[in-house]
Amino acid sequence: MTPEIHSLGHVALETPDLDASLYFFRDSVGLEEVARVDDTVYLRGVDEFDHHSLSLTAAEEPGVDHIGWQTVDHIEIEASDADEMADFLKTLGYEEVRTTEHHGTSYELQPADWEGPIIELHTVEGEETPGINHIAFATDDIEDVTQTLKNEDVDQVSDPYYVEKTGRTITNFRDPDGRRFQAVSSEE
């Protein structure tokens, strides 16, 4: 499966007048300033889930440094102790996005100062072993992706199913080495 672009992740703009650009996007447009690192200011809309959707960096000339696209929805890690692992990731600069009752108690964390996928943690149960459980790619058309995977004879493609505790519709599938992946669509 070629990962589909799920959404625009962020736009990184360069500006010769950081103060004027910040005033425009924060005070006129209404974006929220969420962080500053060196000569870069990170902003987002008030109800956005991600860390930022716009960054402004001081530069000699105005321009677009890059545009980030989202394809990975989350990476699920099974930990010996999810509480301990969540605390560890927070010391590395991750912020807790939410907790759910998926797999007992699950934590969803995202890097606080850069774009990156959500890390979903839960404590191992039964015969599970600590490690990466799966990587989930975001899609807007779960039915189409599922059919494409089946048409390509990908191993163990499940029919889409809804997980109420996370608000995601999921299709599981396996790579040639047996590792689990997911295609997911979200209500959010």
N, C-alpha and C. Protein backbone atom coordinates (compact mmCIF):
# COMPACT_ATOMS: atom_id res chain seq x y z
N MET A 1 0.86 -1.18 0.00
CA MET A 1 0.00 0.00 0.00
C MET A 1 0.89 1.23 0.00
N THR A 2 0.67 2.10 -0.91
CA THR A 2 1.35 3.38 -0.90
C THR A 2 0.60 4.26 0.09
N PRO A 3 1.27 4.75 1.14
CA PRO A 3 0.55 5.59 2.10
C PRO A 3 -0.07 6.80 1.41
N GLU A 4 -1.33 7.02 1.65
CA GLU A 4 -2.01 8.17 1.10
C GLU A 4 -1.78 9.37 2.01
N ILE A 5 -1.71 10.53 1.41
CA ILE A 5 -1.63 11.73 2.22
C ILE A 5 -2.97 11.91 2.88
N HIS A 6 -2.96 11.92 4.20
CA HIS A 6 -4.19 12.06 4.96
C HIS A 6 -4.62 13.51 5.07
N SER A 7 -3.66 14.36 5.35
CA SER A 7 -3.99 15.77 5.52
C SER A 7 -2.71 16.59 5.51
N LEU A 8 -2.89 17.87 5.40
CA LEU A 8 -1.77 18.79 5.53
C LEU A 8 -1.36 18.80 7.00
N GLY A 9 -0.09 18.56 7.25
CA GLY A 9 0.39 18.55 8.63
C GLY A 9 0.73 19.94 9.12
N HIS A 10 1.58 20.62 8.37
CA HIS A 10 1.97 21.97 8.75
C HIS A 10 2.65 22.66 7.58
N VAL A 11 2.75 23.97 7.68
CA VAL A 11 3.47 24.78 6.71
C VAL A 11 4.53 25.55 7.49
N ALA A 12 5.75 25.52 6.99
CA ALA A 12 6.86 26.23 7.61
C ALA A 12 7.23 27.42 6.73
N LEU A 13 6.94 28.62 7.22
CA LEU A 13 7.21 29.85 6.47
C LEU A 13 8.46 30.53 6.99
N GLU A 14 9.18 31.17 6.09
CA GLU A 14 10.33 32.00 6.45
C GLU A 14 9.92 33.45 6.27
N THR A 15 10.36 34.31 7.18
CA THR A 15 9.94 35.71 7.14
C THR A 15 11.08 36.64 7.56
N PRO A 16 11.26 37.75 6.84
CA PRO A 16 12.28 38.72 7.24
C PRO A 16 11.82 39.57 8.43
N ASP A 17 10.52 39.57 8.76
CA ASP A 17 10.01 40.33 9.90
C ASP A 17 9.16 39.41 10.76
N LEU A 18 9.84 38.69 11.65
CA LEU A 18 9.16 37.71 12.49
C LEU A 18 8.08 38.35 13.35
N ASP A 19 8.35 39.51 13.91
CA ASP A 19 7.35 40.17 14.76
C ASP A 19 6.08 40.53 13.99
N ALA A 20 6.23 41.07 12.78
CA ALA A 20 5.06 41.44 11.98
C ALA A 20 4.27 40.20 11.55
N SER A 21 4.98 39.15 11.15
CA SER A 21 4.29 37.91 10.75
C SER A 21 3.58 37.28 11.94
N LEU A 22 4.25 37.28 13.08
CA LEU A 22 3.63 36.73 14.29
C LEU A 22 2.38 37.53 14.65
N TYR A 23 2.47 38.84 14.60
CA TYR A 23 1.31 39.69 14.90
C TYR A 23 0.15 39.34 13.95
N PHE A 24 0.46 39.20 12.65
CA PHE A 24 -0.58 38.91 11.69
C PHE A 24 -1.26 37.57 11.99
N PHE A 25 -0.47 36.49 12.11
CA PHE A 25 -1.06 35.17 12.27
C PHE A 25 -1.65 34.94 13.66
N ARG A 26 -1.04 35.52 14.69
CA ARG A 26 -1.55 35.32 16.05
C ARG A 26 -2.66 36.32 16.38
N ASP A 27 -2.39 37.60 16.19
CA ASP A 27 -3.32 38.63 16.66
C ASP A 27 -4.41 38.97 15.65
N SER A 28 -4.12 38.89 14.37
CA SER A 28 -5.14 39.21 13.36
C SER A 28 -5.93 37.98 12.93
N VAL A 29 -5.22 36.89 12.60
CA VAL A 29 -5.88 35.67 12.14
C VAL A 29 -6.46 34.88 13.31
N GLY A 30 -5.78 34.90 14.47
CA GLY A 30 -6.30 34.22 15.65
C GLY A 30 -5.67 32.89 15.97
N LEU A 31 -4.52 32.58 15.35
CA LEU A 31 -3.84 31.35 15.71
C LEU A 31 -3.24 31.47 17.10
N GLU A 32 -3.04 30.34 17.74
CA GLU A 32 -2.49 30.29 19.10
C GLU A 32 -1.00 29.99 19.03
N GLU A 33 -0.19 30.77 19.72
CA GLU A 33 1.24 30.50 19.80
C GLU A 33 1.45 29.37 20.82
N VAL A 34 2.14 28.29 20.37
CA VAL A 34 2.32 27.14 21.26
C VAL A 34 3.76 26.94 21.71
N ALA A 35 4.72 27.46 20.96
CA ALA A 35 6.12 27.27 21.35
C ALA A 35 7.03 28.20 20.55
N ARG A 36 8.23 28.41 21.12
CA ARG A 36 9.31 29.13 20.44
C ARG A 36 10.58 28.35 20.64
N VAL A 37 11.31 28.13 19.55
CA VAL A 37 12.61 27.49 19.62
C VAL A 37 13.55 28.31 18.74
N ASP A 38 14.53 28.94 19.37
CA ASP A 38 15.46 29.82 18.68
C ASP A 38 14.68 30.88 17.90
N ASP A 39 14.85 30.94 16.57
CA ASP A 39 14.17 31.96 15.76
C ASP A 39 12.90 31.43 15.10
N THR A 40 12.29 30.42 15.68
CA THR A 40 11.07 29.83 15.11
C THR A 40 9.94 29.89 16.12
N VAL A 41 8.76 30.32 15.65
CA VAL A 41 7.56 30.35 16.47
C VAL A 41 6.56 29.36 15.87
N TYR A 42 5.94 28.54 16.74
CA TYR A 42 4.99 27.52 16.31
C TYR A 42 3.58 27.95 16.71
N LEU A 43 2.64 27.82 15.76
CA LEU A 43 1.26 28.25 15.99
C LEU A 43 0.29 27.15 15.53
N ARG A 44 -0.94 27.24 16.07
CA ARG A 44 -2.00 26.33 15.65
C ARG A 44 -3.34 26.99 15.90
N GLY A 45 -4.39 26.40 15.31
CA GLY A 45 -5.76 26.83 15.58
C GLY A 45 -6.15 26.38 16.98
N VAL A 46 -7.14 27.04 17.57
CA VAL A 46 -7.48 26.78 18.97
C VAL A 46 -7.98 25.36 19.23
N ASP A 47 -8.58 24.69 18.26
CA ASP A 47 -9.10 23.34 18.48
C ASP A 47 -8.28 22.27 17.77
N GLU A 48 -7.06 22.60 17.37
CA GLU A 48 -6.25 21.62 16.65
C GLU A 48 -5.69 20.57 17.59
N PHE A 49 -5.58 19.35 17.07
CA PHE A 49 -5.09 18.20 17.83
C PHE A 49 -3.56 18.16 17.82
N ASP A 50 -2.95 18.59 16.71
CA ASP A 50 -1.50 18.51 16.57
C ASP A 50 -0.80 19.68 17.27
N HIS A 51 0.50 19.51 17.45
CA HIS A 51 1.29 20.52 18.13
C HIS A 51 1.20 21.87 17.43
N HIS A 52 1.36 21.88 16.11
CA HIS A 52 1.28 23.14 15.36
C HIS A 52 0.88 22.87 13.91
N SER A 53 0.36 23.89 13.27
CA SER A 53 0.04 23.78 11.85
C SER A 53 0.81 24.83 11.04
N LEU A 54 1.45 25.75 11.73
CA LEU A 54 2.22 26.79 11.07
C LEU A 54 3.45 27.10 11.91
N SER A 55 4.59 27.21 11.24
CA SER A 55 5.78 27.72 11.93
C SER A 55 6.31 28.91 11.15
N LEU A 56 6.80 29.88 11.89
CA LEU A 56 7.39 31.09 11.32
C LEU A 56 8.86 31.14 11.77
N THR A 57 9.76 31.24 10.80
CA THR A 57 11.18 31.29 11.12
C THR A 57 11.78 32.55 10.52
N ALA A 58 12.58 33.25 11.33
CA ALA A 58 13.27 34.44 10.86
C ALA A 58 14.25 34.06 9.75
N ALA A 59 14.20 34.83 8.65
CA ALA A 59 15.08 34.58 7.51
C ALA A 59 15.30 35.90 6.77
N GLU A 60 16.28 35.93 5.89
CA GLU A 60 16.56 37.15 5.13
C GLU A 60 15.47 37.45 4.11
N GLU A 61 14.89 36.42 3.51
CA GLU A 61 13.88 36.58 2.46
C GLU A 61 12.63 35.79 2.85
N PRO A 62 11.44 36.26 2.44
CA PRO A 62 10.23 35.48 2.70
C PRO A 62 10.21 34.23 1.82
N GLY A 63 9.66 33.16 2.35
CA GLY A 63 9.57 31.94 1.56
C GLY A 63 8.89 30.82 2.33
N VAL A 64 8.74 29.72 1.63
CA VAL A 64 8.21 28.49 2.24
C VAL A 64 9.38 27.55 2.42
N ASP A 65 9.69 27.22 3.67
CA ASP A 65 10.78 26.29 3.95
C ASP A 65 10.36 24.87 3.58
N HIS A 66 9.18 24.46 4.04
CA HIS A 66 8.66 23.15 3.68
C HIS A 66 7.19 23.03 4.07
N ILE A 67 6.56 22.00 3.54
CA ILE A 67 5.18 21.66 3.87
C ILE A 67 5.21 20.22 4.35
N GLY A 68 4.61 19.97 5.51
CA GLY A 68 4.57 18.62 6.06
C GLY A 68 3.20 17.99 5.83
N TRP A 69 3.21 16.75 5.32
CA TRP A 69 1.98 16.00 5.08
C TRP A 69 1.87 14.89 6.10
N GLN A 70 0.66 14.57 6.50
CA GLN A 70 0.45 13.51 7.48
C GLN A 70 0.03 12.22 6.78
N THR A 71 0.77 11.16 7.05
CA THR A 71 0.39 9.84 6.57
C THR A 71 0.33 8.84 7.71
N VAL A 72 1.21 8.94 8.70
CA VAL A 72 1.19 8.03 9.85
C VAL A 72 0.25 8.60 10.89
N ASP A 73 -0.72 7.80 11.30
CA ASP A 73 -1.67 8.21 12.33
C ASP A 73 -1.09 8.00 13.72
N HIS A 74 -0.59 6.78 13.99
CA HIS A 74 0.01 6.51 15.30
C HIS A 74 0.88 5.26 15.23
N ILE A 75 1.71 5.11 16.25
CA ILE A 75 2.53 3.91 16.46
C ILE A 75 2.14 3.39 17.83
N GLU A 76 1.71 2.12 17.89
CA GLU A 76 1.33 1.55 19.19
C GLU A 76 2.48 0.76 19.76
N ILE A 77 2.81 1.04 21.01
CA ILE A 77 3.88 0.34 21.71
C ILE A 77 3.27 -0.37 22.92
N GLU A 78 3.59 -1.65 23.05
CA GLU A 78 3.20 -2.41 24.23
C GLU A 78 4.35 -2.32 25.22
N ALA A 79 4.08 -1.80 26.39
CA ALA A 79 5.12 -1.58 27.40
C ALA A 79 4.90 -2.49 28.60
N SER A 80 5.98 -2.80 29.30
CA SER A 80 5.85 -3.57 30.54
C SER A 80 5.00 -2.81 31.55
N ASP A 81 5.14 -1.49 31.55
CA ASP A 81 4.36 -0.62 32.44
C ASP A 81 4.06 0.67 31.68
N ALA A 82 2.84 0.81 31.19
CA ALA A 82 2.47 1.98 30.37
C ALA A 82 2.60 3.29 31.13
N ASP A 83 2.28 3.28 32.42
CA ASP A 83 2.42 4.51 33.23
C ASP A 83 3.88 4.96 33.25
N GLU A 84 4.77 4.03 33.50
CA GLU A 84 6.20 4.33 33.56
C GLU A 84 6.72 4.80 32.19
N MET A 85 6.27 4.13 31.12
CA MET A 85 6.70 4.50 29.77
C MET A 85 6.18 5.89 29.40
N ALA A 86 4.93 6.20 29.77
CA ALA A 86 4.38 7.53 29.49
C ALA A 86 5.20 8.60 30.21
N ASP A 87 5.54 8.35 31.46
CA ASP A 87 6.36 9.31 32.22
C ASP A 87 7.73 9.49 31.56
N PHE A 88 8.31 8.38 31.08
CA PHE A 88 9.60 8.44 30.40
C PHE A 88 9.52 9.30 29.14
N LEU A 89 8.48 9.06 28.32
CA LEU A 89 8.34 9.85 27.09
C LEU A 89 8.11 11.33 27.39
N LYS A 90 7.43 11.62 28.48
CA LYS A 90 7.23 13.03 28.87
C LYS A 90 8.56 13.69 29.20
N THR A 91 9.50 12.94 29.79
CA THR A 91 10.83 13.52 30.07
C THR A 91 11.59 13.79 28.79
N LEU A 92 11.20 13.11 27.68
CA LEU A 92 11.84 13.34 26.39
C LEU A 92 11.15 14.42 25.58
N GLY A 93 10.13 15.07 26.17
CA GLY A 93 9.48 16.17 25.49
C GLY A 93 8.14 15.83 24.86
N TYR A 94 7.61 14.65 25.14
CA TYR A 94 6.28 14.31 24.63
C TYR A 94 5.21 14.86 25.56
N GLU A 95 4.05 15.17 24.98
CA GLU A 95 2.91 15.63 25.77
C GLU A 95 1.78 14.64 25.63
N GLU A 96 1.07 14.42 26.74
CA GLU A 96 -0.08 13.52 26.70
C GLU A 96 -1.23 14.19 25.98
N VAL A 97 -1.74 13.53 24.94
CA VAL A 97 -2.84 14.05 24.15
C VAL A 97 -4.17 13.61 24.76
N ARG A 98 -4.25 12.32 25.13
CA ARG A 98 -5.45 11.79 25.77
C ARG A 98 -5.15 10.41 26.32
N THR A 99 -6.04 9.96 27.21
CA THR A 99 -6.03 8.57 27.66
C THR A 99 -7.37 7.96 27.25
N THR A 100 -7.32 6.66 26.99
CA THR A 100 -8.54 5.93 26.65
C THR A 100 -8.54 4.63 27.44
N GLU A 101 -9.64 3.92 27.38
CA GLU A 101 -9.73 2.62 28.03
C GLU A 101 -9.47 1.49 27.03
N HIS A 102 -8.81 1.81 25.92
CA HIS A 102 -8.44 0.83 24.90
C HIS A 102 -7.30 -0.01 25.47
N HIS A 103 -7.43 -1.32 25.48
CA HIS A 103 -6.41 -2.23 26.07
C HIS A 103 -6.17 -1.89 27.54
N GLY A 104 -7.20 -1.79 28.34
CA GLY A 104 -7.03 -1.35 29.72
C GLY A 104 -6.93 0.15 29.69
N THR A 105 -5.82 0.70 30.10
CA THR A 105 -5.60 2.14 29.98
C THR A 105 -4.53 2.37 28.93
N SER A 106 -4.85 3.17 27.92
CA SER A 106 -3.89 3.54 26.88
C SER A 106 -3.60 5.03 26.97
N TYR A 107 -2.36 5.38 26.72
CA TYR A 107 -1.95 6.78 26.68
C TYR A 107 -1.58 7.11 25.25
N GLU A 108 -2.00 8.29 24.80
CA GLU A 108 -1.57 8.79 23.49
C GLU A 108 -0.74 10.04 23.73
N LEU A 109 0.50 10.01 23.24
CA LEU A 109 1.44 11.10 23.44
C LEU A 109 1.98 11.54 22.08
N GLN A 110 2.34 12.83 22.01
CA GLN A 110 2.88 13.38 20.77
C GLN A 110 4.04 14.30 21.11
N PRO A 111 5.06 14.37 20.24
CA PRO A 111 6.18 15.27 20.51
C PRO A 111 5.68 16.71 20.72
N ALA A 112 6.22 17.36 21.73
CA ALA A 112 5.76 18.71 22.08
C ALA A 112 6.39 19.79 21.20
N ASP A 113 7.60 19.57 20.70
CA ASP A 113 8.28 20.65 19.99
C ASP A 113 8.59 20.35 18.54
N TRP A 114 7.97 19.30 17.97
CA TRP A 114 8.14 19.02 16.55
C TRP A 114 7.03 18.11 16.09
N GLU A 115 6.82 18.08 14.78
CA GLU A 115 5.78 17.21 14.22
C GLU A 115 6.22 15.76 14.32
N GLY A 116 5.33 14.92 14.64
CA GLY A 116 5.61 13.50 14.68
C GLY A 116 4.35 12.74 14.97
N PRO A 117 4.38 11.44 14.75
CA PRO A 117 3.17 10.66 14.97
C PRO A 117 2.85 10.51 16.45
N ILE A 118 1.62 10.20 16.72
CA ILE A 118 1.18 9.89 18.07
C ILE A 118 1.77 8.54 18.47
N ILE A 119 2.24 8.45 19.70
CA ILE A 119 2.67 7.18 20.28
C ILE A 119 1.55 6.73 21.20
N GLU A 120 0.98 5.55 20.93
CA GLU A 120 -0.06 4.99 21.79
C GLU A 120 0.59 3.90 22.63
N LEU A 121 0.43 3.98 23.94
CA LEU A 121 1.04 3.03 24.86
C LEU A 121 -0.03 2.26 25.62
N HIS A 122 0.21 0.98 25.81
CA HIS A 122 -0.58 0.23 26.78
C HIS A 122 0.30 -0.84 27.40
N THR A 123 -0.09 -1.28 28.59
CA THR A 123 0.66 -2.31 29.30
C THR A 123 0.36 -3.67 28.68
N VAL A 124 1.42 -4.47 28.51
CA VAL A 124 1.24 -5.80 27.92
C VAL A 124 0.25 -6.62 28.73
N GLU A 125 -0.50 -7.45 28.01
CA GLU A 125 -1.49 -8.32 28.64
C GLU A 125 -1.27 -9.74 28.13
N GLY A 126 -1.51 -10.71 28.98
CA GLY A 126 -1.45 -12.11 28.55
C GLY A 126 -0.10 -12.48 27.98
N GLU A 127 -0.10 -12.99 26.76
CA GLU A 127 1.13 -13.46 26.13
C GLU A 127 1.82 -12.41 25.28
N GLU A 128 1.34 -11.15 25.33
CA GLU A 128 2.00 -10.09 24.57
C GLU A 128 3.40 -9.86 25.12
N THR A 129 4.29 -9.37 24.26
CA THR A 129 5.63 -9.02 24.70
C THR A 129 5.85 -7.53 24.42
N PRO A 130 6.65 -6.87 25.27
CA PRO A 130 6.91 -5.45 25.03
C PRO A 130 7.54 -5.22 23.66
N GLY A 131 7.15 -4.14 23.02
CA GLY A 131 7.71 -3.78 21.71
C GLY A 131 6.69 -3.02 20.90
N ILE A 132 7.02 -2.79 19.64
CA ILE A 132 6.08 -2.09 18.74
C ILE A 132 5.01 -3.08 18.32
N ASN A 133 3.76 -2.73 18.58
CA ASN A 133 2.63 -3.58 18.21
C ASN A 133 2.29 -3.37 16.75
N HIS A 134 2.17 -2.11 16.32
CA HIS A 134 1.85 -1.82 14.93
C HIS A 134 2.11 -0.35 14.62
N ILE A 135 2.17 -0.05 13.32
CA ILE A 135 2.21 1.32 12.82
C ILE A 135 0.93 1.50 12.03
N ALA A 136 0.23 2.60 12.26
CA ALA A 136 -1.07 2.85 11.62
C ALA A 136 -0.96 4.04 10.67
N PHE A 137 -1.37 3.82 9.42
CA PHE A 137 -1.39 4.87 8.41
C PHE A 137 -2.78 5.47 8.34
N ALA A 138 -2.87 6.78 8.31
CA ALA A 138 -4.15 7.48 8.24
C ALA A 138 -4.69 7.48 6.82
N THR A 139 -6.00 7.37 6.71
CA THR A 139 -6.65 7.44 5.40
C THR A 139 -8.03 8.06 5.56
N ASP A 140 -8.50 8.68 4.49
CA ASP A 140 -9.85 9.22 4.48
C ASP A 140 -10.86 8.22 3.91
N ASP A 141 -10.37 7.15 3.26
CA ASP A 141 -11.26 6.18 2.63
C ASP A 141 -10.84 4.77 3.00
N ILE A 142 -11.25 4.34 4.18
CA ILE A 142 -10.84 3.04 4.72
C ILE A 142 -11.33 1.89 3.84
N GLU A 143 -12.53 2.02 3.28
CA GLU A 143 -13.08 0.95 2.44
C GLU A 143 -12.21 0.76 1.18
N ASP A 144 -11.83 1.85 0.55
CA ASP A 144 -11.01 1.78 -0.66
C ASP A 144 -9.64 1.20 -0.36
N VAL A 145 -9.02 1.65 0.72
CA VAL A 145 -7.70 1.13 1.09
C VAL A 145 -7.78 -0.36 1.38
N THR A 146 -8.82 -0.78 2.11
CA THR A 146 -8.98 -2.21 2.42
C THR A 146 -9.11 -3.03 1.15
N GLN A 147 -9.91 -2.55 0.22
CA GLN A 147 -10.09 -3.29 -1.04
C GLN A 147 -8.80 -3.33 -1.84
N THR A 148 -8.05 -2.24 -1.86
CA THR A 148 -6.76 -2.21 -2.56
C THR A 148 -5.80 -3.23 -1.96
N LEU A 149 -5.74 -3.30 -0.63
CA LEU A 149 -4.86 -4.27 0.03
C LEU A 149 -5.26 -5.70 -0.33
N LYS A 150 -6.56 -5.97 -0.34
CA LYS A 150 -7.03 -7.30 -0.71
C LYS A 150 -6.71 -7.61 -2.17
N ASN A 151 -6.90 -6.64 -3.05
CA ASN A 151 -6.60 -6.84 -4.47
C ASN A 151 -5.12 -7.12 -4.71
N GLU A 152 -4.27 -6.55 -3.85
CA GLU A 152 -2.82 -6.74 -3.98
C GLU A 152 -2.34 -8.00 -3.25
N ASP A 153 -3.29 -8.80 -2.76
CA ASP A 153 -2.97 -10.05 -2.04
C ASP A 153 -2.07 -9.84 -0.82
N VAL A 154 -2.27 -8.73 -0.13
CA VAL A 154 -1.55 -8.48 1.12
C VAL A 154 -2.06 -9.48 2.17
N ASP A 155 -1.16 -9.96 3.03
CA ASP A 155 -1.50 -10.98 4.03
C ASP A 155 -2.45 -10.46 5.11
N GLN A 156 -3.40 -11.31 5.47
CA GLN A 156 -4.26 -11.14 6.64
C GLN A 156 -4.95 -9.77 6.70
N VAL A 157 -5.57 -9.36 5.63
CA VAL A 157 -6.29 -8.08 5.60
C VAL A 157 -7.65 -8.29 6.27
N SER A 158 -7.91 -7.54 7.34
CA SER A 158 -9.21 -7.64 8.00
C SER A 158 -10.19 -6.70 7.33
N ASP A 159 -11.47 -6.97 7.52
CA ASP A 159 -12.48 -6.00 7.11
C ASP A 159 -12.42 -4.84 8.09
N PRO A 160 -12.79 -3.64 7.66
CA PRO A 160 -12.77 -2.49 8.58
C PRO A 160 -13.71 -2.72 9.76
N TYR A 161 -13.25 -2.30 10.94
CA TYR A 161 -14.10 -2.37 12.13
C TYR A 161 -13.87 -1.13 12.98
N TYR A 162 -14.91 -0.73 13.69
CA TYR A 162 -14.89 0.49 14.49
C TYR A 162 -14.49 0.17 15.93
N VAL A 163 -13.58 0.97 16.49
CA VAL A 163 -13.16 0.84 17.88
C VAL A 163 -13.71 2.06 18.63
N GLU A 164 -14.77 1.85 19.37
CA GLU A 164 -15.46 2.96 20.03
C GLU A 164 -14.56 3.72 21.00
N LYS A 165 -13.69 3.01 21.71
CA LYS A 165 -12.85 3.65 22.74
C LYS A 165 -11.85 4.63 22.16
N THR A 166 -11.48 4.46 20.88
CA THR A 166 -10.52 5.39 20.26
C THR A 166 -11.15 6.26 19.19
N GLY A 167 -12.36 5.93 18.76
CA GLY A 167 -13.02 6.69 17.70
C GLY A 167 -12.41 6.45 16.33
N ARG A 168 -11.72 5.32 16.16
CA ARG A 168 -11.06 5.01 14.89
C ARG A 168 -11.72 3.79 14.23
N THR A 169 -11.78 3.80 12.90
CA THR A 169 -12.14 2.61 12.14
C THR A 169 -10.84 2.04 11.59
N ILE A 170 -10.65 0.74 11.76
CA ILE A 170 -9.35 0.11 11.54
C ILE A 170 -9.45 -1.06 10.56
N THR A 171 -8.45 -1.19 9.72
CA THR A 171 -8.19 -2.40 8.95
C THR A 171 -6.79 -2.85 9.30
N ASN A 172 -6.66 -4.08 9.78
CA ASN A 172 -5.35 -4.65 10.09
C ASN A 172 -4.83 -5.41 8.87
N PHE A 173 -3.51 -5.45 8.71
CA PHE A 173 -2.88 -6.26 7.67
C PHE A 173 -1.45 -6.54 8.09
N ARG A 174 -0.81 -7.51 7.42
CA ARG A 174 0.55 -7.93 7.77
C ARG A 174 1.50 -7.73 6.60
N ASP A 175 2.75 -7.35 6.92
CA ASP A 175 3.77 -7.26 5.89
C ASP A 175 4.31 -8.67 5.59
N PRO A 176 5.19 -8.83 4.59
CA PRO A 176 5.69 -10.18 4.26
C PRO A 176 6.41 -10.89 5.41
N ASP A 177 6.91 -10.13 6.40
CA ASP A 177 7.58 -10.74 7.55
C ASP A 177 6.64 -10.96 8.72
N GLY A 178 5.35 -10.66 8.54
CA GLY A 178 4.36 -10.92 9.59
C GLY A 178 4.11 -9.78 10.55
N ARG A 179 4.77 -8.63 10.36
CA ARG A 179 4.53 -7.48 11.24
C ARG A 179 3.16 -6.88 10.95
N ARG A 180 2.48 -6.43 12.01
CA ARG A 180 1.14 -5.88 11.86
C ARG A 180 1.19 -4.39 11.55
N PHE A 181 0.36 -3.98 10.60
CA PHE A 181 0.15 -2.59 10.25
C PHE A 181 -1.35 -2.34 10.27
N GLN A 182 -1.74 -1.06 10.28
CA GLN A 182 -3.14 -0.70 10.22
C GLN A 182 -3.34 0.45 9.24
N ALA A 183 -4.50 0.46 8.63
CA ALA A 183 -5.02 1.65 7.96
C ALA A 183 -6.14 2.12 8.86
N VAL A 184 -6.18 3.41 9.18
CA VAL A 184 -7.20 3.91 10.12
C VAL A 184 -7.83 5.19 9.58
N SER A 185 -9.10 5.34 9.90
CA SER A 185 -9.77 6.62 9.70
C SER A 185 -10.32 7.01 11.05
N SER A 186 -10.41 8.30 11.30
CA SER A 186 -10.76 8.80 12.62
C SER A 186 -11.95 9.73 12.54
N GLU A 187 -12.73 9.74 13.61
CA GLU A 187 -13.85 10.69 13.71
C GLU A 187 -13.35 12.11 13.89
N GLU A 188 -12.14 12.27 14.47
CA GLU A 188 -11.62 13.60 14.83
C GLU A 188 -11.16 14.36 13.63
